[in-house]
Amino acid sequence: MSGVAWRLTSRESPSCRAMFGLRRTRHEPHRRFVPRVPQYGRPHPFS
């Protein structure tokens, strides 16, 4: 059994979301799948 498969099936291991970096942390906001919207309200000139 591979190490990754063992970690995914182990009950003591962190969840798969945490392993792959999908869990939100208190120190860093989760922005991986959130589109960045300009704060000034108009699209970026190169978009």
N, C-alpha and C. Protein backbone atom coordinates (compact mmCIF):
# COMPACT_ATOMS: atom_id res chain seq x y z
N MET A 1 0.86 -1.19 0.00
CA MET A 1 0.00 0.00 0.00
C MET A 1 0.89 1.24 0.00
N SER A 2 0.57 2.18 -0.84
CA SER A 2 1.40 3.39 -0.93
C SER A 2 1.21 4.27 0.29
N GLY A 3 2.16 5.17 0.50
CA GLY A 3 2.10 6.07 1.64
C GLY A 3 0.89 6.98 1.60
N VAL A 4 0.55 7.46 0.40
CA VAL A 4 -0.60 8.36 0.29
C VAL A 4 -1.88 7.62 0.59
N ALA A 5 -2.03 6.42 0.05
CA ALA A 5 -3.24 5.64 0.31
C ALA A 5 -3.34 5.28 1.78
N TRP A 6 -2.21 4.98 2.41
CA TRP A 6 -2.23 4.66 3.84
C TRP A 6 -2.65 5.88 4.65
N ARG A 7 -2.16 7.05 4.26
CA ARG A 7 -2.54 8.26 4.98
C ARG A 7 -4.01 8.59 4.78
N LEU A 8 -4.53 8.32 3.59
CA LEU A 8 -5.95 8.61 3.34
C LEU A 8 -6.85 7.67 4.14
N THR A 9 -6.37 6.46 4.42
CA THR A 9 -7.21 5.50 5.13
C THR A 9 -6.94 5.47 6.62
N SER A 10 -5.85 6.10 7.06
CA SER A 10 -5.52 6.09 8.48
C SER A 10 -6.44 7.02 9.25
N ARG A 11 -6.94 6.56 10.37
CA ARG A 11 -7.86 7.39 11.16
C ARG A 11 -7.12 8.47 11.94
N GLU A 12 -5.85 8.25 12.25
CA GLU A 12 -5.08 9.22 13.02
C GLU A 12 -4.56 10.35 12.14
N SER A 13 -4.58 10.16 10.84
CA SER A 13 -4.01 11.17 9.94
C SER A 13 -4.98 12.34 9.77
N PRO A 14 -4.47 13.49 9.35
CA PRO A 14 -5.36 14.62 9.06
C PRO A 14 -6.25 14.29 7.87
N SER A 15 -7.30 15.05 7.71
CA SER A 15 -8.22 14.78 6.61
C SER A 15 -7.52 15.00 5.27
N CYS A 16 -8.07 14.44 4.21
CA CYS A 16 -7.46 14.59 2.90
C CYS A 16 -7.48 16.05 2.45
N ARG A 17 -8.47 16.79 2.89
CA ARG A 17 -8.51 18.21 2.53
C ARG A 17 -7.32 18.94 3.13
N ALA A 18 -6.99 18.61 4.37
CA ALA A 18 -5.85 19.25 5.01
C ALA A 18 -4.54 18.80 4.37
N MET A 19 -4.48 17.53 3.97
CA MET A 19 -3.27 17.02 3.34
C MET A 19 -2.98 17.72 2.02
N PHE A 20 -4.01 17.99 1.25
CA PHE A 20 -3.82 18.61 -0.05
C PHE A 20 -3.91 20.13 0.01
N GLY A 21 -3.98 20.68 1.19
CA GLY A 21 -3.94 22.13 1.34
C GLY A 21 -5.26 22.81 1.06
N LEU A 22 -6.37 22.10 1.21
CA LEU A 22 -7.66 22.70 0.91
C LEU A 22 -8.36 23.20 2.17
N ARG A 23 -7.80 22.89 3.32
CA ARG A 23 -8.43 23.33 4.56
C ARG A 23 -8.09 24.79 4.83
N ARG A 24 -9.06 25.53 5.28
CA ARG A 24 -8.82 26.92 5.62
C ARG A 24 -8.08 27.01 6.94
N THR A 25 -7.12 27.89 6.99
CA THR A 25 -6.40 28.10 8.24
C THR A 25 -6.73 29.48 8.78
N ARG A 26 -6.46 29.65 10.06
CA ARG A 26 -6.74 30.95 10.68
C ARG A 26 -5.76 32.01 10.21
N HIS A 27 -4.56 31.59 9.84
CA HIS A 27 -3.52 32.56 9.50
C HIS A 27 -3.57 32.98 8.04
N GLU A 28 -4.06 32.13 7.18
CA GLU A 28 -4.05 32.42 5.75
C GLU A 28 -5.44 32.19 5.17
N PRO A 29 -6.06 33.19 4.58
CA PRO A 29 -7.39 32.99 3.98
C PRO A 29 -7.31 32.05 2.77
N HIS A 30 -8.40 31.36 2.52
CA HIS A 30 -8.47 30.39 1.43
C HIS A 30 -8.89 31.10 0.16
N ARG A 31 -7.96 31.30 -0.74
CA ARG A 31 -8.26 32.03 -1.98
C ARG A 31 -7.94 31.22 -3.22
N ARG A 32 -7.72 29.91 -3.06
CA ARG A 32 -7.27 29.13 -4.21
C ARG A 32 -8.32 29.08 -5.31
N PHE A 33 -9.58 28.86 -4.96
CA PHE A 33 -10.63 28.71 -5.96
C PHE A 33 -11.55 29.92 -6.04
N VAL A 34 -11.19 31.00 -5.36
CA VAL A 34 -12.02 32.20 -5.37
C VAL A 34 -11.46 33.17 -6.39
N PRO A 35 -12.25 33.57 -7.38
CA PRO A 35 -11.74 34.54 -8.35
C PRO A 35 -11.46 35.88 -7.69
N ARG A 36 -10.38 36.51 -8.09
CA ARG A 36 -10.03 37.79 -7.50
C ARG A 36 -10.79 38.90 -8.19
N VAL A 37 -11.56 39.63 -7.43
CA VAL A 37 -12.36 40.74 -7.95
C VAL A 37 -11.65 42.03 -7.59
N PRO A 38 -11.45 42.91 -8.55
CA PRO A 38 -10.79 44.18 -8.23
C PRO A 38 -11.57 44.96 -7.19
N GLN A 39 -10.86 45.56 -6.24
CA GLN A 39 -11.53 46.30 -5.18
C GLN A 39 -12.09 47.62 -5.70
N TYR A 40 -11.53 48.12 -6.78
CA TYR A 40 -11.98 49.42 -7.27
C TYR A 40 -13.16 49.31 -8.22
N GLY A 41 -13.65 48.10 -8.49
CA GLY A 41 -14.91 47.94 -9.20
C GLY A 41 -14.84 47.87 -10.71
N ARG A 42 -13.68 47.88 -11.31
CA ARG A 42 -13.59 47.74 -12.77
C ARG A 42 -12.57 46.65 -13.10
N PRO A 43 -12.70 46.00 -14.25
CA PRO A 43 -11.82 44.89 -14.58
C PRO A 43 -10.38 45.35 -14.81
N HIS A 44 -9.48 44.40 -14.69
CA HIS A 44 -8.07 44.67 -14.93
C HIS A 44 -7.84 44.96 -16.41
N PRO A 45 -6.96 45.88 -16.76
CA PRO A 45 -6.75 46.22 -18.18
C PRO A 45 -6.26 45.06 -19.03
N PHE A 46 -5.60 44.07 -18.43
CA PHE A 46 -5.08 42.95 -19.21
C PHE A 46 -6.01 41.74 -19.20
N SER A 47 -7.15 41.85 -18.58
CA SER A 47 -8.05 40.70 -18.51
C SER A 47 -8.98 40.66 -19.70
